[in-house]
Amino acid sequence: MGYSSAARLCYNSFAMSSNATTDAFLVPPKTIANAKGDGPALDIGGAIHRVFLLTLDITNILEQQSLDVSIYGSADAATWGPKPLIAFPQKFYRGQHPLLLDLTALPEAKFIRAHWEVNRWGRGTETPSFEFDLAIRDVPPDILKEAAAEAKGLA
């Protein structure tokens, strides 16, 4: 299941408050992927914080298949970069998988979207099937500072 490149999600609540932690989806809940596809564009141009926590939640799969999910950026939601901004390691099982996306050095990235590819091998049907979603949440600087201090203390 893919989305048309014309699909746009203009979600500017990232800019609502410097204290708010905003949640949105790059891939909506209960999305079923049987082939490669793209999620809708998410407008992050008004985001106060440029660091985001991505959570890939795989809720249903078949055995002997893989899911590759990557994030692409765009200045205009029409032309997407040739390389992903970040990618999750290849996934084979159910579960929640977090990944930090830091766009502080990329102010030109005003939109982001998820891209996925699926693969199946072995016995049974040749068509892969994954049910998953991809949530995004902004990470305020105070949380990052606290985590960095804690990590430094553990080193």
N, C-alpha and C. Protein backbone atom coordinates (compact mmCIF):
# COMPACT_ATOMS: atom_id res chain seq x y z
N MET A 1 0.84 -1.16 0.00
CA MET A 1 0.00 0.00 0.00
C MET A 1 0.89 1.23 0.00
N GLY A 2 0.84 2.02 -1.02
CA GLY A 2 1.60 3.26 -1.09
C GLY A 2 0.68 4.45 -1.07
N TYR A 3 1.25 5.59 -0.91
CA TYR A 3 0.50 6.83 -0.92
C TYR A 3 0.92 7.62 -2.12
N SER A 4 0.01 8.39 -2.71
CA SER A 4 0.35 9.21 -3.84
C SER A 4 1.28 10.33 -3.41
N SER A 5 2.16 10.75 -4.30
CA SER A 5 3.08 11.83 -3.95
C SER A 5 2.33 13.14 -3.77
N ALA A 6 1.08 13.20 -4.23
CA ALA A 6 0.30 14.42 -4.06
C ALA A 6 -0.28 14.52 -2.65
N ALA A 7 -0.28 13.41 -1.91
CA ALA A 7 -0.84 13.44 -0.56
C ALA A 7 0.03 14.31 0.33
N ARG A 8 -0.57 15.26 1.01
CA ARG A 8 0.16 16.17 1.87
C ARG A 8 -0.50 16.19 3.24
N LEU A 9 0.29 16.19 4.26
CA LEU A 9 -0.22 16.33 5.61
C LEU A 9 0.42 17.59 6.16
N CYS A 10 -0.35 18.65 6.24
CA CYS A 10 0.17 19.92 6.75
C CYS A 10 -0.21 20.00 8.21
N TYR A 11 0.72 19.62 9.02
CA TYR A 11 0.48 19.50 10.45
C TYR A 11 1.42 20.47 11.15
N ASN A 12 0.95 21.70 11.41
CA ASN A 12 1.81 22.74 11.95
C ASN A 12 1.74 22.86 13.46
N SER A 13 1.14 21.91 14.15
CA SER A 13 1.08 22.03 15.60
C SER A 13 2.45 21.86 16.23
N PHE A 14 3.49 21.50 15.43
CA PHE A 14 4.85 21.48 15.96
C PHE A 14 5.24 22.88 16.41
N ALA A 15 4.62 23.90 15.81
CA ALA A 15 4.98 25.28 16.12
C ALA A 15 4.10 25.89 17.21
N MET A 16 3.19 25.14 17.78
CA MET A 16 2.22 25.71 18.71
C MET A 16 2.84 26.22 19.99
N SER A 17 3.77 25.51 20.57
CA SER A 17 4.29 25.90 21.87
C SER A 17 5.68 25.34 22.05
N SER A 18 6.54 26.13 22.68
CA SER A 18 7.89 25.64 22.91
C SER A 18 7.92 24.58 24.00
N ASN A 19 6.85 24.45 24.77
CA ASN A 19 6.81 23.46 25.85
C ASN A 19 6.05 22.20 25.47
N ALA A 20 5.35 22.24 24.34
CA ALA A 20 4.50 21.10 23.96
C ALA A 20 5.33 20.01 23.29
N THR A 21 5.02 18.80 23.60
CA THR A 21 5.58 17.66 22.89
C THR A 21 4.48 17.18 21.96
N THR A 22 4.76 17.23 20.68
CA THR A 22 3.75 16.98 19.67
C THR A 22 3.93 15.59 19.08
N ASP A 23 2.82 14.90 18.88
CA ASP A 23 2.84 13.59 18.26
C ASP A 23 2.13 13.65 16.92
N ALA A 24 2.66 12.93 15.97
CA ALA A 24 2.04 12.80 14.66
C ALA A 24 2.48 11.45 14.10
N PHE A 25 2.02 11.12 12.91
CA PHE A 25 2.39 9.86 12.27
C PHE A 25 2.94 10.12 10.87
N LEU A 26 4.07 9.51 10.59
CA LEU A 26 4.61 9.51 9.23
C LEU A 26 4.01 8.35 8.43
N VAL A 27 3.62 7.31 9.12
CA VAL A 27 2.85 6.20 8.55
C VAL A 27 1.69 5.97 9.51
N PRO A 28 0.46 6.10 9.03
CA PRO A 28 -0.70 5.98 9.92
C PRO A 28 -0.82 4.59 10.56
N PRO A 29 -1.43 4.52 11.75
CA PRO A 29 -1.64 3.23 12.41
C PRO A 29 -2.39 2.25 11.51
N LYS A 30 -2.03 0.98 11.66
CA LYS A 30 -2.67 -0.13 10.94
C LYS A 30 -2.43 -0.11 9.44
N THR A 31 -1.36 0.56 9.00
CA THR A 31 -1.00 0.54 7.59
C THR A 31 -0.52 -0.86 7.24
N ILE A 32 -1.04 -1.40 6.14
CA ILE A 32 -0.60 -2.72 5.66
C ILE A 32 0.20 -2.50 4.39
N ALA A 33 1.45 -2.97 4.41
CA ALA A 33 2.35 -2.81 3.28
C ALA A 33 2.60 -4.17 2.65
N ASN A 34 2.28 -4.27 1.35
CA ASN A 34 2.55 -5.47 0.56
C ASN A 34 3.58 -5.20 -0.53
N ALA A 35 3.97 -3.93 -0.66
CA ALA A 35 4.94 -3.50 -1.66
C ALA A 35 5.58 -2.22 -1.16
N LYS A 36 6.58 -1.74 -1.89
CA LYS A 36 7.23 -0.50 -1.45
C LYS A 36 6.23 0.65 -1.53
N GLY A 37 6.45 1.67 -0.70
CA GLY A 37 5.53 2.79 -0.68
C GLY A 37 6.09 3.97 0.09
N ASP A 38 5.31 5.04 0.08
CA ASP A 38 5.67 6.27 0.75
C ASP A 38 4.51 6.75 1.61
N GLY A 39 4.83 7.28 2.78
CA GLY A 39 3.83 7.90 3.63
C GLY A 39 3.56 9.32 3.15
N PRO A 40 2.59 9.97 3.74
CA PRO A 40 2.29 11.36 3.37
C PRO A 40 3.40 12.29 3.86
N ALA A 41 3.52 13.43 3.20
CA ALA A 41 4.49 14.45 3.61
C ALA A 41 4.03 15.09 4.91
N LEU A 42 4.97 15.31 5.80
CA LEU A 42 4.68 15.96 7.08
C LEU A 42 5.42 17.30 7.10
N ASP A 43 4.68 18.38 7.30
CA ASP A 43 5.25 19.72 7.33
C ASP A 43 5.89 19.95 8.70
N ILE A 44 7.21 20.06 8.71
CA ILE A 44 7.94 20.34 9.96
C ILE A 44 8.59 21.71 9.92
N GLY A 45 8.22 22.51 8.91
CA GLY A 45 8.82 23.82 8.73
C GLY A 45 8.65 24.73 9.93
N GLY A 46 7.55 24.60 10.65
CA GLY A 46 7.30 25.44 11.81
C GLY A 46 7.75 24.83 13.12
N ALA A 47 8.46 23.72 13.04
CA ALA A 47 8.89 23.04 14.27
C ALA A 47 9.87 23.91 15.05
N ILE A 48 9.60 24.09 16.31
CA ILE A 48 10.50 24.86 17.17
C ILE A 48 11.76 24.05 17.43
N HIS A 49 11.60 22.78 17.68
CA HIS A 49 12.72 21.89 17.92
C HIS A 49 12.95 21.06 16.67
N ARG A 50 14.18 20.83 16.31
CA ARG A 50 14.50 20.11 15.08
C ARG A 50 15.05 18.71 15.36
N VAL A 51 14.78 18.21 16.57
CA VAL A 51 15.17 16.85 16.92
C VAL A 51 13.88 16.08 17.21
N PHE A 52 13.74 14.91 16.60
CA PHE A 52 12.51 14.14 16.69
C PHE A 52 12.80 12.69 17.08
N LEU A 53 11.90 12.13 17.86
CA LEU A 53 11.94 10.72 18.18
C LEU A 53 10.99 10.01 17.24
N LEU A 54 11.52 9.09 16.44
CA LEU A 54 10.70 8.26 15.55
C LEU A 54 10.50 6.91 16.22
N THR A 55 9.27 6.41 16.20
CA THR A 55 9.00 5.08 16.76
C THR A 55 8.29 4.24 15.71
N LEU A 56 9.01 3.26 15.19
CA LEU A 56 8.46 2.29 14.25
C LEU A 56 7.81 1.18 15.06
N ASP A 57 6.52 0.98 14.86
CA ASP A 57 5.78 -0.05 15.60
C ASP A 57 5.26 -1.08 14.60
N ILE A 58 5.88 -2.25 14.59
CA ILE A 58 5.47 -3.34 13.70
C ILE A 58 4.51 -4.21 14.50
N THR A 59 3.25 -4.27 14.06
CA THR A 59 2.22 -4.97 14.83
C THR A 59 1.84 -6.33 14.25
N ASN A 60 2.15 -6.58 12.97
CA ASN A 60 1.81 -7.87 12.39
C ASN A 60 2.73 -8.14 11.20
N ILE A 61 3.23 -9.38 11.11
CA ILE A 61 4.11 -9.76 10.01
C ILE A 61 3.90 -11.23 9.67
N LEU A 62 4.46 -11.64 8.55
CA LEU A 62 4.57 -13.05 8.18
C LEU A 62 6.01 -13.45 8.41
N GLU A 63 6.27 -14.75 8.54
CA GLU A 63 7.65 -15.19 8.69
C GLU A 63 8.40 -15.04 7.38
N GLN A 64 9.70 -15.01 7.46
CA GLN A 64 10.60 -14.94 6.32
C GLN A 64 10.35 -13.73 5.42
N GLN A 65 10.37 -12.56 6.06
CA GLN A 65 10.25 -11.32 5.30
C GLN A 65 10.97 -10.20 6.03
N SER A 66 11.25 -9.12 5.31
CA SER A 66 11.96 -7.99 5.91
C SER A 66 11.28 -6.68 5.54
N LEU A 67 11.49 -5.69 6.40
CA LEU A 67 10.94 -4.35 6.22
C LEU A 67 12.08 -3.35 6.36
N ASP A 68 12.23 -2.48 5.37
CA ASP A 68 13.22 -1.40 5.41
C ASP A 68 12.45 -0.08 5.39
N VAL A 69 12.70 0.77 6.39
CA VAL A 69 12.02 2.07 6.49
C VAL A 69 13.07 3.16 6.57
N SER A 70 12.91 4.18 5.74
CA SER A 70 13.82 5.31 5.73
C SER A 70 13.02 6.61 5.67
N ILE A 71 13.68 7.72 6.01
CA ILE A 71 13.04 9.03 6.06
C ILE A 71 13.73 9.94 5.05
N TYR A 72 12.92 10.59 4.21
CA TYR A 72 13.43 11.52 3.21
C TYR A 72 12.99 12.93 3.54
N GLY A 73 13.78 13.90 3.11
CA GLY A 73 13.48 15.30 3.36
C GLY A 73 13.26 16.08 2.08
N SER A 74 12.53 17.21 2.21
CA SER A 74 12.23 18.06 1.06
C SER A 74 12.05 19.50 1.53
N ALA A 75 12.37 20.43 0.68
CA ALA A 75 12.14 21.85 0.97
C ALA A 75 10.73 22.26 0.58
N ASP A 76 10.10 21.51 -0.36
CA ASP A 76 8.81 21.94 -0.91
C ASP A 76 7.73 20.85 -0.97
N ALA A 77 8.01 19.66 -0.49
CA ALA A 77 7.10 18.51 -0.53
C ALA A 77 6.83 18.01 -1.95
N ALA A 78 7.62 18.48 -2.91
CA ALA A 78 7.47 18.01 -4.29
C ALA A 78 8.73 17.28 -4.74
N THR A 79 9.89 17.82 -4.41
CA THR A 79 11.16 17.23 -4.78
C THR A 79 11.83 16.68 -3.53
N TRP A 80 12.10 15.39 -3.54
CA TRP A 80 12.66 14.71 -2.37
C TRP A 80 14.12 14.40 -2.62
N GLY A 81 14.92 14.46 -1.56
CA GLY A 81 16.35 14.19 -1.66
C GLY A 81 16.62 12.81 -2.24
N PRO A 82 17.77 12.64 -2.91
CA PRO A 82 18.09 11.34 -3.51
C PRO A 82 18.49 10.28 -2.48
N LYS A 83 18.91 10.73 -1.30
CA LYS A 83 19.32 9.80 -0.25
C LYS A 83 18.48 10.06 0.99
N PRO A 84 18.24 9.02 1.78
CA PRO A 84 17.46 9.23 3.01
C PRO A 84 18.24 10.05 4.04
N LEU A 85 17.49 10.78 4.87
CA LEU A 85 18.09 11.51 5.98
C LEU A 85 18.57 10.54 7.05
N ILE A 86 17.81 9.47 7.21
CA ILE A 86 18.10 8.44 8.22
C ILE A 86 17.32 7.18 7.84
N ALA A 87 17.77 6.04 8.31
CA ALA A 87 17.08 4.78 8.03
C ALA A 87 17.12 3.89 9.26
N PHE A 88 16.04 3.17 9.49
CA PHE A 88 16.02 2.15 10.53
C PHE A 88 16.81 0.95 10.04
N PRO A 89 17.46 0.23 10.94
CA PRO A 89 18.05 -1.05 10.53
C PRO A 89 16.93 -1.96 10.01
N GLN A 90 17.28 -2.85 9.10
CA GLN A 90 16.29 -3.77 8.53
C GLN A 90 15.58 -4.55 9.65
N LYS A 91 14.26 -4.69 9.53
CA LYS A 91 13.45 -5.35 10.56
C LYS A 91 12.81 -6.62 10.04
N PHE A 92 12.73 -7.62 10.95
CA PHE A 92 12.18 -8.92 10.61
C PHE A 92 11.06 -9.35 11.56
N TYR A 93 10.89 -8.66 12.69
CA TYR A 93 9.98 -9.10 13.75
C TYR A 93 9.09 -7.97 14.23
N ARG A 94 8.03 -8.34 14.94
CA ARG A 94 7.16 -7.37 15.59
C ARG A 94 7.93 -6.62 16.67
N GLY A 95 7.43 -5.45 17.02
CA GLY A 95 8.03 -4.71 18.12
C GLY A 95 8.07 -3.22 17.84
N GLN A 96 8.48 -2.48 18.86
CA GLN A 96 8.65 -1.03 18.75
C GLN A 96 10.14 -0.73 18.66
N HIS A 97 10.49 0.12 17.70
CA HIS A 97 11.88 0.42 17.42
C HIS A 97 12.07 1.94 17.36
N PRO A 98 12.76 2.54 18.36
CA PRO A 98 12.96 3.99 18.36
C PRO A 98 14.20 4.39 17.56
N LEU A 99 14.18 5.62 17.06
CA LEU A 99 15.32 6.18 16.33
C LEU A 99 15.24 7.70 16.46
N LEU A 100 16.37 8.34 16.74
CA LEU A 100 16.42 9.79 16.89
C LEU A 100 16.79 10.43 15.56
N LEU A 101 15.99 11.40 15.13
CA LEU A 101 16.23 12.14 13.89
C LEU A 101 16.59 13.58 14.25
N ASP A 102 17.82 13.98 13.99
CA ASP A 102 18.30 15.33 14.32
C ASP A 102 18.43 16.13 13.03
N LEU A 103 17.55 17.14 12.87
CA LEU A 103 17.57 17.97 11.68
C LEU A 103 18.08 19.38 11.95
N THR A 104 18.76 19.57 13.08
CA THR A 104 19.25 20.91 13.42
C THR A 104 20.22 21.44 12.37
N ALA A 105 20.98 20.59 11.73
CA ALA A 105 21.93 21.03 10.70
C ALA A 105 21.31 21.09 9.31
N LEU A 106 20.00 20.82 9.21
CA LEU A 106 19.31 20.82 7.91
C LEU A 106 18.07 21.72 7.93
N PRO A 107 18.26 23.04 8.07
CA PRO A 107 17.09 23.93 8.12
C PRO A 107 16.28 23.94 6.82
N GLU A 108 16.89 23.51 5.72
CA GLU A 108 16.17 23.47 4.44
C GLU A 108 15.13 22.35 4.39
N ALA A 109 15.22 21.39 5.28
CA ALA A 109 14.24 20.29 5.32
C ALA A 109 12.97 20.79 6.00
N LYS A 110 11.99 21.14 5.18
CA LYS A 110 10.71 21.66 5.69
C LYS A 110 9.64 20.58 5.75
N PHE A 111 9.86 19.50 4.99
CA PHE A 111 8.93 18.38 4.95
C PHE A 111 9.73 17.09 5.07
N ILE A 112 9.12 16.09 5.69
CA ILE A 112 9.71 14.76 5.73
C ILE A 112 8.63 13.74 5.40
N ARG A 113 9.06 12.60 4.95
CA ARG A 113 8.12 11.48 4.71
C ARG A 113 8.86 10.17 4.85
N ALA A 114 8.10 9.15 5.15
CA ALA A 114 8.66 7.80 5.28
C ALA A 114 8.58 7.09 3.93
N HIS A 115 9.56 6.26 3.69
CA HIS A 115 9.58 5.37 2.52
C HIS A 115 9.87 3.97 3.05
N TRP A 116 9.16 2.97 2.53
CA TRP A 116 9.41 1.60 2.97
C TRP A 116 9.52 0.67 1.78
N GLU A 117 10.29 -0.39 2.02
CA GLU A 117 10.43 -1.47 1.05
C GLU A 117 10.28 -2.78 1.80
N VAL A 118 9.62 -3.74 1.18
CA VAL A 118 9.38 -5.04 1.81
C VAL A 118 9.95 -6.14 0.92
N ASN A 119 10.33 -7.24 1.56
CA ASN A 119 10.91 -8.37 0.83
C ASN A 119 10.41 -9.65 1.50
N ARG A 120 10.19 -10.68 0.70
CA ARG A 120 9.74 -11.97 1.23
C ARG A 120 10.50 -13.07 0.51
N TRP A 121 10.84 -14.13 1.23
CA TRP A 121 11.54 -15.27 0.66
C TRP A 121 11.04 -16.54 1.32
N GLY A 122 11.47 -17.66 0.83
CA GLY A 122 11.11 -18.94 1.45
C GLY A 122 9.79 -19.49 0.97
N ARG A 123 9.16 -20.26 1.85
CA ARG A 123 7.93 -20.98 1.48
C ARG A 123 6.70 -20.09 1.68
N GLY A 124 5.57 -20.58 1.19
CA GLY A 124 4.31 -19.85 1.33
C GLY A 124 4.14 -18.79 0.26
N THR A 125 3.20 -17.92 0.49
CA THR A 125 2.92 -16.86 -0.48
C THR A 125 4.15 -16.00 -0.71
N GLU A 126 4.30 -15.52 -1.92
CA GLU A 126 5.45 -14.68 -2.25
C GLU A 126 5.22 -13.22 -1.89
N THR A 127 3.97 -12.86 -1.56
CA THR A 127 3.64 -11.47 -1.26
C THR A 127 3.92 -11.16 0.20
N PRO A 128 4.80 -10.18 0.46
CA PRO A 128 5.06 -9.81 1.85
C PRO A 128 3.86 -9.06 2.44
N SER A 129 3.76 -9.05 3.75
CA SER A 129 2.68 -8.33 4.41
C SER A 129 3.14 -7.88 5.79
N PHE A 130 3.19 -6.58 5.96
CA PHE A 130 3.53 -5.97 7.25
C PHE A 130 2.41 -5.04 7.65
N GLU A 131 2.06 -5.05 8.94
CA GLU A 131 1.17 -4.03 9.50
C GLU A 131 2.03 -3.22 10.45
N PHE A 132 2.09 -1.91 10.23
CA PHE A 132 2.98 -1.08 11.04
C PHE A 132 2.51 0.37 11.03
N ASP A 133 3.12 1.16 11.89
CA ASP A 133 2.97 2.60 11.85
C ASP A 133 4.30 3.22 12.23
N LEU A 134 4.41 4.51 11.97
CA LEU A 134 5.63 5.24 12.32
C LEU A 134 5.22 6.56 12.94
N ALA A 135 5.43 6.67 14.25
CA ALA A 135 5.09 7.88 14.99
C ALA A 135 6.30 8.80 15.06
N ILE A 136 6.02 10.09 15.18
CA ILE A 136 7.07 11.09 15.33
C ILE A 136 6.68 12.02 16.46
N ARG A 137 7.67 12.35 17.27
CA ARG A 137 7.45 13.24 18.42
C ARG A 137 8.66 14.15 18.53
N ASP A 138 8.42 15.44 18.75
CA ASP A 138 9.55 16.35 18.91
C ASP A 138 10.17 16.13 20.28
N VAL A 139 11.47 16.36 20.35
CA VAL A 139 12.22 16.18 21.59
C VAL A 139 12.76 17.54 22.02
N PRO A 140 12.23 18.10 23.11
CA PRO A 140 12.69 19.42 23.57
C PRO A 140 14.16 19.38 24.01
N PRO A 141 14.87 20.52 23.86
CA PRO A 141 16.30 20.57 24.20
C PRO A 141 16.60 20.18 25.65
N ASP A 142 15.73 20.50 26.59
CA ASP A 142 16.01 20.15 27.99
C ASP A 142 16.05 18.64 28.18
N ILE A 143 15.24 17.91 27.46
CA ILE A 143 15.26 16.44 27.53
C ILE A 143 16.58 15.92 26.95
N LEU A 144 17.03 16.52 25.83
CA LEU A 144 18.29 16.10 25.22
C LEU A 144 19.47 16.37 26.15
N LYS A 145 19.47 17.53 26.80
CA LYS A 145 20.55 17.87 27.73
C LYS A 145 20.59 16.90 28.89
N GLU A 146 19.41 16.58 29.42
CA GLU A 146 19.32 15.65 30.54
C GLU A 146 19.85 14.26 30.13
N ALA A 147 19.45 13.80 28.96
CA ALA A 147 19.89 12.49 28.48
C ALA A 147 21.40 12.48 28.23
N ALA A 148 21.93 13.57 27.66
CA ALA A 148 23.37 13.65 27.42
C ALA A 148 24.15 13.63 28.71
N ALA A 149 23.66 14.36 29.72
CA ALA A 149 24.33 14.39 31.02
C ALA A 149 24.31 13.01 31.67
N GLU A 150 23.17 12.32 31.56
CA GLU A 150 23.05 10.98 32.13
C GLU A 150 23.99 10.01 31.44
N ALA A 151 24.06 10.09 30.11
CA ALA A 151 24.95 9.22 29.34
C ALA A 151 26.41 9.49 29.68
N LYS A 152 26.75 10.75 29.86
CA LYS A 152 28.13 11.11 30.22
C LYS A 152 28.48 10.54 31.59
N GLY A 153 27.51 10.55 32.50
CA GLY A 153 27.72 10.00 33.84
C GLY A 153 27.91 8.50 33.85
N LEU A 154 27.36 7.82 32.85
CA LEU A 154 27.48 6.37 32.75
C LEU A 154 28.79 5.94 32.11
N ALA A 155 29.41 6.87 31.39
CA ALA A 155 30.65 6.54 30.64
C ALA A 155 31.85 6.41 31.53
